[in-house]
Amino acid sequence: MKFARELAQPWGLLLAATSAGVAWAVQLPVAASAGIGVAVLAAWAGVSVATREKEPAPREARVLDVAAGSAEENWLRRAEAAADGFVSLSDSLGHGPLADRVADMEPVVRETLATLRRLAGRASATGNALSRVDLDAVARERRRLERELRSAHADVRADLEQALTAVQAQADVHARLSGARDKLLAQLQSGALGLDSLVARVAELTAATTDVTVDTGAVRELSDQLEGIRQGVLETEQATRRSLG
């Protein structure tokens, strides 16, 4: 219960003890002093529970749909299979030093996979946005406007220049989207293959290790490898979010 947990918080207990001590110091009976302490503790816990319930829940990162049959879906499925393989290997280790170290890596694997899911969704959204910009049509329109500008009268030049700016903006948007999608797909591939490699190394280490002897250097390399994968996908997510606004 939330109320019971708040009763056990050290700050509440300290406040209650202080209140009871003050009451005893002014020569109130012991029972009354204790009652004051209990009342203060109960009030503090009640206020804490009410305050926490009003606090907004932390905002979760939005997960977009992944287009069926897309390249990003294929790499996401590969990453999911690798993560499942890692968990399966971890479960098969039972107990021991190596099992403990591998189990500690599971939350990082799950976090990495969750980030890859977001990247895959963003890749699909970016691909969908790209399909709305006909780059060939934009190029043709730009060439036409440039030709017209060369022979345009002064009274229409401003309008033509404005139209050319709008066409160029479409080309710039396409370039940004294309670059972002390429980066997302490259990171999805890197993340999926990195998790695949991690599973293979864990399997190799499992075959060469007993519960008594654990190659701490090899385990550290596994942790470093996983942290590198995690950092890579997080940095890509942040970079594409900045570039696409």
C-alpha atoms as a PDB file:
ATOM      1  CA  MET A   1       0.000   0.000   0.000  1.00  0.00           C
ATOM      2  CA  LYS A   2       1.187   3.515  -0.828  1.00  0.00           C
ATOM      3  CA  PHE A   3       0.170   4.821   2.604  1.00  0.00           C
ATOM      4  CA  ALA A   4       2.114   2.079   4.405  1.00  0.00           C
ATOM      5  CA  ARG A   5       5.226   2.777   2.299  1.00  0.00           C
ATOM      6  CA  GLU A   6       5.056   6.455   3.148  1.00  0.00           C
ATOM      7  CA  LEU A   7       4.776   5.617   6.874  1.00  0.00           C
ATOM      8  CA  ALA A   8       8.134   3.869   6.628  1.00  0.00           C
ATOM      9  CA  GLN A   9       9.925   6.789   4.967  1.00  0.00           C
ATOM     10  CA  PRO A  10      12.795   8.086   7.164  1.00  0.00           C
ATOM     11  CA  TRP A  11      11.810  11.780   6.856  1.00  0.00           C
ATOM     12  CA  GLY A  12       8.304  11.047   8.118  1.00  0.00           C
ATOM     13  CA  LEU A  13       9.630   9.018  11.026  1.00  0.00           C
ATOM     14  CA  LEU A  14      12.087  11.786  11.913  1.00  0.00           C
ATOM     15  CA  LEU A  15       9.347  14.412  11.831  1.00  0.00           C
ATOM     16  CA  ALA A  16       7.079  12.277  14.020  1.00  0.00           C
ATOM     17  CA  ALA A  17       9.862  11.576  16.535  1.00  0.00           C
ATOM     18  CA  THR A  18      10.746  15.266  16.703  1.00  0.00           C
ATOM     19  CA  SER A  19       7.122  16.247  17.298  1.00  0.00           C
ATOM     20  CA  ALA A  20       6.743  13.657  20.038  1.00  0.00           C
ATOM     21  CA  GLY A  21       9.998  14.837  21.630  1.00  0.00           C
ATOM     22  CA  VAL A  22       8.841  18.443  21.659  1.00  0.00           C
ATOM     23  CA  ALA A  23       5.533  17.422  23.240  1.00  0.00           C
ATOM     24  CA  TRP A  24       7.359  15.444  25.951  1.00  0.00           C
ATOM     25  CA  ALA A  25       9.759  18.336  26.525  1.00  0.00           C
ATOM     26  CA  VAL A  26       6.867  20.656  27.388  1.00  0.00           C
ATOM     27  CA  GLN A  27       5.840  18.071  30.007  1.00  0.00           C
ATOM     28  CA  LEU A  28       2.882  16.463  28.245  1.00  0.00           C
ATOM     29  CA  PRO A  29       2.175  12.884  29.359  1.00  0.00           C
ATOM     30  CA  VAL A  30       4.116  10.149  27.565  1.00  0.00           C
ATOM     31  CA  ALA A  31       0.951   8.695  26.018  1.00  0.00           C
ATOM     32  CA  ALA A  32      -0.098  12.095  24.721  1.00  0.00           C
ATOM     33  CA  SER A  33       3.375  12.757  23.332  1.00  0.00           C
ATOM     34  CA  ALA A  34       3.334   9.414  21.522  1.00  0.00           C
ATOM     35  CA  GLY A  35      -0.142  10.161  20.180  1.00  0.00           C
ATOM     36  CA  ILE A  36       1.063  13.462  18.772  1.00  0.00           C
ATOM     37  CA  GLY A  37       3.961  11.694  17.054  1.00  0.00           C
ATOM     38  CA  VAL A  38       1.619   9.117  15.506  1.00  0.00           C
ATOM     39  CA  ALA A  39      -0.787  11.827  14.352  1.00  0.00           C
ATOM     40  CA  VAL A  40       2.026  13.820  12.739  1.00  0.00           C
ATOM     41  CA  LEU A  41       3.359  10.709  10.976  1.00  0.00           C
ATOM     42  CA  ALA A  42      -0.111   9.808   9.654  1.00  0.00           C
ATOM     43  CA  ALA A  43      -0.699  13.345   8.402  1.00  0.00           C
ATOM     44  CA  TRP A  44       2.702  13.454   6.698  1.00  0.00           C
ATOM     45  CA  ALA A  45       2.066  10.112   4.971  1.00  0.00           C
ATOM     46  CA  GLY A  46      -1.372  11.224   3.808  1.00  0.00           C
ATOM     47  CA  VAL A  47      -0.037  14.439   2.302  1.00  0.00           C
ATOM     48  CA  SER A  48       2.826  12.569   0.615  1.00  0.00           C
ATOM     49  CA  VAL A  49       0.474  10.036  -0.990  1.00  0.00           C
ATOM     50  CA  ALA A  50      -1.857  12.768  -2.239  1.00  0.00           C
ATOM     51  CA  THR A  51       1.050  14.762  -3.645  1.00  0.00           C
ATOM     52  CA  ARG A  52       2.542  11.773  -5.457  1.00  0.00           C
ATOM     53  CA  GLU A  53      -0.799  10.832  -6.990  1.00  0.00           C
ATOM     54  CA  LYS A  54      -1.119  14.320  -8.470  1.00  0.00           C
ATOM     55  CA  GLU A  55       2.311  14.195 -10.062  1.00  0.00           C
ATOM     56  CA  PRO A  56       2.067  13.611 -13.839  1.00  0.00           C
ATOM     57  CA  ALA A  57       3.374  10.286 -15.067  1.00  0.00           C
ATOM     58  CA  PRO A  58       6.691  10.520 -16.915  1.00  0.00           C
ATOM     59  CA  ARG A  59       6.189  11.021 -20.622  1.00  0.00           C
ATOM     60  CA  GLU A  60       7.066   7.944 -22.646  1.00  0.00           C
ATOM     61  CA  ALA A  61       8.751   8.224 -26.008  1.00  0.00           C
ATOM     62  CA  ARG A  62       6.268   7.831 -28.827  1.00  0.00           C
ATOM     63  CA  VAL A  63       6.499   4.525 -30.716  1.00  0.00           C
ATOM     64  CA  LEU A  64       5.419   4.855 -34.346  1.00  0.00           C
ATOM     65  CA  ASP A  65       4.081   2.027 -36.474  1.00  0.00           C
ATOM     66  CA  VAL A  66       6.625   0.073 -38.504  1.00  0.00           C
ATOM     67  CA  ALA A  67       5.691  -0.467 -42.157  1.00  0.00           C
ATOM     68  CA  ALA A  68       5.084  -4.136 -42.950  1.00  0.00           C
ATOM     69  CA  GLY A  69       7.623  -5.645 -45.325  1.00  0.00           C
ATOM     70  CA  SER A  70       9.959  -2.657 -45.042  1.00  0.00           C
ATOM     71  CA  ALA A  71      13.716  -2.812 -44.561  1.00  0.00           C
ATOM     72  CA  GLU A  72      13.335  -1.372 -41.078  1.00  0.00           C
ATOM     73  CA  GLU A  73      10.860  -4.102 -40.133  1.00  0.00           C
ATOM     74  CA  ASN A  74      13.302  -6.780 -41.266  1.00  0.00           C
ATOM     75  CA  TRP A  75      16.119  -5.332 -39.163  1.00  0.00           C
ATOM     76  CA  LEU A  76      13.812  -4.896 -36.179  1.00  0.00           C
ATOM     77  CA  ARG A  77      12.757  -8.548 -36.390  1.00  0.00           C
ATOM     78  CA  ARG A  78      16.432  -9.492 -36.504  1.00  0.00           C
ATOM     79  CA  ALA A  79      17.107  -7.435 -33.380  1.00  0.00           C
ATOM     80  CA  GLU A  80      14.100  -8.949 -31.584  1.00  0.00           C
ATOM     81  CA  ALA A  81      15.294 -12.463 -32.388  1.00  0.00           C
ATOM     82  CA  ALA A  82      18.761 -11.606 -31.071  1.00  0.00           C
ATOM     83  CA  ALA A  83      17.311 -10.168 -27.853  1.00  0.00           C
ATOM     84  CA  ASP A  84      15.179 -13.296 -27.382  1.00  0.00           C
ATOM     85  CA  GLY A  85      18.281 -15.409 -27.927  1.00  0.00           C
ATOM     86  CA  PHE A  86      20.185 -13.435 -25.312  1.00  0.00           C
ATOM     87  CA  VAL A  87      17.426 -13.918 -22.739  1.00  0.00           C
ATOM     88  CA  SER A  88      17.229 -17.627 -23.566  1.00  0.00           C
ATOM     89  CA  LEU A  89      20.972 -18.014 -23.077  1.00  0.00           C
ATOM     90  CA  SER A  90      20.806 -16.075 -19.821  1.00  0.00           C
ATOM     91  CA  ASP A  91      18.034 -18.320 -18.510  1.00  0.00           C
ATOM     92  CA  SER A  92      19.965 -21.450 -19.467  1.00  0.00           C
ATOM     93  CA  LEU A  93      22.981 -20.450 -17.378  1.00  0.00           C
ATOM     94  CA  GLY A  94      21.229 -21.162 -14.096  1.00  0.00           C
ATOM     95  CA  HIS A  95      23.308 -19.832 -11.191  1.00  0.00           C
ATOM     96  CA  GLY A  96      26.896 -18.758 -10.876  1.00  0.00           C
ATOM     97  CA  PRO A  97      29.206 -15.794 -11.479  1.00  0.00           C
ATOM     98  CA  LEU A  98      28.778 -15.798 -15.254  1.00  0.00           C
ATOM     99  CA  ALA A  99      25.007 -16.167 -14.989  1.00  0.00           C
ATOM    100  CA  ASP A 100      24.873 -13.171 -12.654  1.00  0.00           C
ATOM    101  CA  ARG A 101      26.924 -10.999 -15.004  1.00  0.00           C
ATOM    102  CA  VAL A 102      24.891 -11.943 -18.060  1.00  0.00           C
ATOM    103  CA  ALA A 103      21.621 -11.410 -16.162  1.00  0.00           C
ATOM    104  CA  ASP A 104      22.799  -7.887 -15.286  1.00  0.00           C
ATOM    105  CA  MET A 105      23.037  -7.172 -19.017  1.00  0.00           C
ATOM    106  CA  GLU A 106      19.421  -8.135 -19.766  1.00  0.00           C
ATOM    107  CA  PRO A 107      17.901  -4.726 -18.862  1.00  0.00           C
ATOM    108  CA  VAL A 108      20.368  -3.003 -21.193  1.00  0.00           C
ATOM    109  CA  VAL A 109      19.453  -5.418 -23.996  1.00  0.00           C
ATOM    110  CA  ARG A 110      15.751  -4.650 -23.446  1.00  0.00           C
ATOM    111  CA  GLU A 111      16.424  -0.897 -23.403  1.00  0.00           C
ATOM    112  CA  THR A 112      18.425  -1.163 -26.621  1.00  0.00           C
ATOM    113  CA  LEU A 113      15.659  -3.131 -28.311  1.00  0.00           C
ATOM    114  CA  ALA A 114      13.060  -0.552 -27.219  1.00  0.00           C
ATOM    115  CA  THR A 115      15.166   2.208 -28.791  1.00  0.00           C
ATOM    116  CA  LEU A 116      15.532   0.182 -31.985  1.00  0.00           C
ATOM    117  CA  ARG A 117      11.731  -0.138 -32.131  1.00  0.00           C
ATOM    118  CA  ARG A 118      11.433   3.640 -31.964  1.00  0.00           C
ATOM    119  CA  LEU A 119      14.068   4.023 -34.662  1.00  0.00           C
ATOM    120  CA  ALA A 120      12.224   1.561 -36.900  1.00  0.00           C
ATOM    121  CA  GLY A 121       8.979   3.476 -36.429  1.00  0.00           C
ATOM    122  CA  ARG A 122      10.699   6.752 -37.227  1.00  0.00           C
ATOM    123  CA  ALA A 123      12.286   5.191 -40.318  1.00  0.00           C
ATOM    124  CA  SER A 124       8.835   4.163 -41.558  1.00  0.00           C
ATOM    125  CA  ALA A 125       7.408   7.618 -40.857  1.00  0.00           C
ATOM    126  CA  THR A 126      10.336   9.194 -42.686  1.00  0.00           C
ATOM    127  CA  GLY A 127       9.855   6.851 -45.648  1.00  0.00           C
ATOM    128  CA  ASN A 128       6.177   7.762 -45.775  1.00  0.00           C
ATOM    129  CA  ALA A 129       7.037  11.476 -45.782  1.00  0.00           C
ATOM    130  CA  LEU A 130       9.593  10.906 -48.542  1.00  0.00           C
ATOM    131  CA  SER A 131       6.943   9.300 -50.732  1.00  0.00           C
ATOM    132  CA  ARG A 132       4.976  12.558 -50.649  1.00  0.00           C
ATOM    133  CA  VAL A 133       7.768  14.494 -52.355  1.00  0.00           C
ATOM    134  CA  ASP A 134       8.188  13.704 -56.084  1.00  0.00           C
ATOM    135  CA  LEU A 135      11.821  14.637 -56.533  1.00  0.00           C
ATOM    136  CA  ASP A 136      11.709  14.284 -60.328  1.00  0.00           C
ATOM    137  CA  ALA A 137       8.717  16.611 -60.521  1.00  0.00           C
ATOM    138  CA  VAL A 138      10.456  19.072 -58.217  1.00  0.00           C
ATOM    139  CA  ALA A 139      13.573  19.039 -60.424  1.00  0.00           C
ATOM    140  CA  ARG A 140      11.500  19.648 -63.563  1.00  0.00           C
ATOM    141  CA  GLU A 141       9.647  22.507 -61.896  1.00  0.00           C
ATOM    142  CA  ARG A 142      12.903  24.087 -60.768  1.00  0.00           C
ATOM    143  CA  ARG A 143      14.410  23.944 -64.273  1.00  0.00           C
ATOM    144  CA  ARG A 144      11.255  25.493 -65.752  1.00  0.00           C
ATOM    145  CA  LEU A 145      11.254  28.364 -63.266  1.00  0.00           C
ATOM    146  CA  GLU A 146      14.953  28.996 -63.811  1.00  0.00           C
ATOM    147  CA  ARG A 147      14.359  29.264 -67.581  1.00  0.00           C
ATOM    148  CA  GLU A 148      11.459  31.635 -67.093  1.00  0.00           C
ATOM    149  CA  LEU A 149      13.468  33.793 -64.712  1.00  0.00           C
ATOM    150  CA  ARG A 150      16.185  34.364 -67.309  1.00  0.00           C
ATOM    151  CA  SER A 151      13.740  36.127 -69.622  1.00  0.00           C
ATOM    152  CA  ALA A 152      11.140  37.375 -67.134  1.00  0.00           C
ATOM    153  CA  HIS A 153       9.963  40.985 -66.958  1.00  0.00           C
ATOM    154  CA  ALA A 154      10.790  42.901 -63.814  1.00  0.00           C
ATOM    155  CA  ASP A 155       7.164  42.958 -62.644  1.00  0.00           C
ATOM    156  CA  VAL A 156       6.957  39.137 -62.410  1.00  0.00           C
ATOM    157  CA  ARG A 157      10.479  38.320 -61.285  1.00  0.00           C
ATOM    158  CA  ALA A 158       9.596  38.542 -57.586  1.00  0.00           C
ATOM    159  CA  ASP A 159       6.749  36.065 -57.981  1.00  0.00           C
ATOM    160  CA  LEU A 160       8.908  33.648 -59.948  1.00  0.00           C
ATOM    161  CA  GLU A 161      11.704  33.896 -57.412  1.00  0.00           C
ATOM    162  CA  GLN A 162       9.247  33.167 -54.611  1.00  0.00           C
ATOM    163  CA  ALA A 163       7.971  30.130 -56.520  1.00  0.00           C
ATOM    164  CA  LEU A 164      11.538  28.931 -57.059  1.00  0.00           C
ATOM    165  CA  THR A 165      12.250  29.299 -53.339  1.00  0.00           C
ATOM    166  CA  ALA A 166       9.219  27.158 -52.535  1.00  0.00           C
ATOM    167  CA  VAL A 167      10.336  24.481 -54.997  1.00  0.00           C
ATOM    168  CA  GLN A 168      13.862  24.511 -53.560  1.00  0.00           C
ATOM    169  CA  ALA A 169      12.401  24.100 -50.064  1.00  0.00           C
ATOM    170  CA  GLN A 170      10.753  20.871 -51.223  1.00  0.00           C
ATOM    171  CA  ALA A 171      14.085  19.620 -52.547  1.00  0.00           C
ATOM    172  CA  ASP A 172      15.773  20.528 -49.252  1.00  0.00           C
ATOM    173  CA  VAL A 173      13.106  18.670 -47.266  1.00  0.00           C
ATOM    174  CA  HIS A 174      13.601  15.593 -49.444  1.00  0.00           C
ATOM    175  CA  ALA A 175      17.358  15.736 -48.896  1.00  0.00           C
ATOM    176  CA  ARG A 176      16.965  15.960 -45.104  1.00  0.00           C
ATOM    177  CA  LEU A 177      14.434  13.147 -44.997  1.00  0.00           C
ATOM    178  CA  SER A 178      16.544  10.945 -47.237  1.00  0.00           C
ATOM    179  CA  GLY A 179      19.652  11.515 -45.126  1.00  0.00           C
ATOM    180  CA  ALA A 180      17.754  10.815 -41.912  1.00  0.00           C
ATOM    181  CA  ARG A 181      16.250   7.597 -43.290  1.00  0.00           C
ATOM    182  CA  ASP A 182      19.647   6.374 -44.479  1.00  0.00           C
ATOM    183  CA  LYS A 183      21.067   7.039 -41.015  1.00  0.00           C
ATOM    184  CA  LEU A 184      18.168   5.271 -39.308  1.00  0.00           C
ATOM    185  CA  LEU A 185      18.447   2.195 -41.504  1.00  0.00           C
ATOM    186  CA  ALA A 186      22.216   2.050 -41.049  1.00  0.00           C
ATOM    187  CA  GLN A 187      21.830   2.189 -37.259  1.00  0.00           C
ATOM    188  CA  LEU A 188      19.054  -0.421 -37.280  1.00  0.00           C
ATOM    189  CA  GLN A 189      21.348  -2.711 -39.224  1.00  0.00           C
ATOM    190  CA  SER A 190      24.282  -1.985 -36.927  1.00  0.00           C
ATOM    191  CA  GLY A 191      22.179  -2.505 -33.800  1.00  0.00           C
ATOM    192  CA  ALA A 192      20.629  -5.765 -34.990  1.00  0.00           C
ATOM    193  CA  LEU A 193      23.932  -7.238 -36.119  1.00  0.00           C
ATOM    194  CA  GLY A 194      25.592  -5.996 -32.934  1.00  0.00           C
ATOM    195  CA  LEU A 195      23.042  -7.855 -30.811  1.00  0.00           C
ATOM    196  CA  ASP A 196      23.532 -10.926 -32.994  1.00  0.00           C
ATOM    197  CA  SER A 197      27.266 -10.739 -32.371  1.00  0.00           C
ATOM    198  CA  LEU A 198      26.691 -10.282 -28.644  1.00  0.00           C
ATOM    199  CA  VAL A 199      24.596 -13.453 -28.474  1.00  0.00           C
ATOM    200  CA  ALA A 200      27.283 -15.381 -30.330  1.00  0.00           C
ATOM    201  CA  ARG A 201      29.970 -14.164 -27.913  1.00  0.00           C
ATOM    202  CA  VAL A 202      27.848 -15.057 -24.882  1.00  0.00           C
ATOM    203  CA  ALA A 203      27.321 -18.550 -26.306  1.00  0.00           C
ATOM    204  CA  GLU A 204      31.046 -18.884 -26.935  1.00  0.00           C
ATOM    205  CA  LEU A 205      31.907 -17.696 -23.440  1.00  0.00           C
ATOM    206  CA  THR A 206      29.333 -20.060 -21.940  1.00  0.00           C
ATOM    207  CA  ALA A 207      30.941 -23.023 -23.678  1.00  0.00           C
ATOM    208  CA  ALA A 208      34.412 -22.060 -22.422  1.00  0.00           C
ATOM    209  CA  THR A 209      33.515 -21.107 -18.843  1.00  0.00           C
ATOM    210  CA  THR A 210      32.667 -23.025 -15.702  1.00  0.00           C
ATOM    211  CA  ASP A 211      30.945 -21.692 -12.605  1.00  0.00           C
ATOM    212  CA  VAL A 212      34.311 -21.647 -10.885  1.00  0.00           C
ATOM    213  CA  THR A 213      36.401 -19.867 -13.519  1.00  0.00           C
ATOM    214  CA  VAL A 214      35.024 -16.761 -15.170  1.00  0.00           C
ATOM    215  CA  ASP A 215      37.038 -14.790 -17.705  1.00  0.00           C
ATOM    216  CA  THR A 216      36.360 -11.353 -16.241  1.00  0.00           C
ATOM    217  CA  GLY A 217      38.126  -9.660 -19.139  1.00  0.00           C
ATOM    218  CA  ALA A 218      35.855 -11.367 -21.663  1.00  0.00           C
ATOM    219  CA  VAL A 219      32.751 -10.486 -19.632  1.00  0.00           C
ATOM    220  CA  ARG A 220      33.904  -6.881 -19.468  1.00  0.00           C
ATOM    221  CA  GLU A 221      34.310  -6.876 -23.237  1.00  0.00           C
ATOM    222  CA  LEU A 222      30.731  -8.110 -23.577  1.00  0.00           C
ATOM    223  CA  SER A 223      29.467  -5.306 -21.335  1.00  0.00           C
ATOM    224  CA  ASP A 224      31.486  -2.741 -23.285  1.00  0.00           C
ATOM    225  CA  GLN A 225      30.150  -4.108 -26.577  1.00  0.00           C
ATOM    226  CA  LEU A 226      26.568  -3.881 -25.362  1.00  0.00           C
ATOM    227  CA  GLU A 227      27.086  -0.365 -24.009  1.00  0.00           C
ATOM    228  CA  GLY A 228      28.504   0.669 -27.383  1.00  0.00           C
ATOM    229  CA  ILE A 229      25.402  -0.654 -29.144  1.00  0.00           C
ATOM    230  CA  ARG A 230      23.125   1.113 -26.663  1.00  0.00           C
ATOM    231  CA  GLN A 231      24.939   4.427 -27.015  1.00  0.00           C
ATOM    232  CA  GLY A 232      24.915   4.156 -30.804  1.00  0.00           C
ATOM    233  CA  VAL A 233      21.164   3.718 -31.101  1.00  0.00           C
ATOM    234  CA  LEU A 234      20.464   6.451 -28.531  1.00  0.00           C
ATOM    235  CA  GLU A 235      22.734   8.926 -30.321  1.00  0.00           C
ATOM    236  CA  THR A 236      21.061   8.154 -33.639  1.00  0.00           C
ATOM    237  CA  GLU A 237      17.624   8.682 -32.119  1.00  0.00           C
ATOM    238  CA  GLN A 238      18.670  12.044 -30.689  1.00  0.00           C
ATOM    239  CA  ALA A 239      20.416  13.143 -33.892  1.00  0.00           C
ATOM    240  CA  THR A 240      17.472  12.310 -36.156  1.00  0.00           C
ATOM    241  CA  ARG A 241      15.041  13.970 -33.751  1.00  0.00           C
ATOM    242  CA  ARG A 242      17.104  17.166 -33.934  1.00  0.00           C
ATOM    243  CA  SER A 243      17.510  17.070 -37.717  1.00  0.00           C
ATOM    244  CA  LEU A 244      13.826  16.448 -38.362  1.00  0.00           C
ATOM    245  CA  GLY A 245      12.559  18.748 -35.633  1.00  0.00           C
END
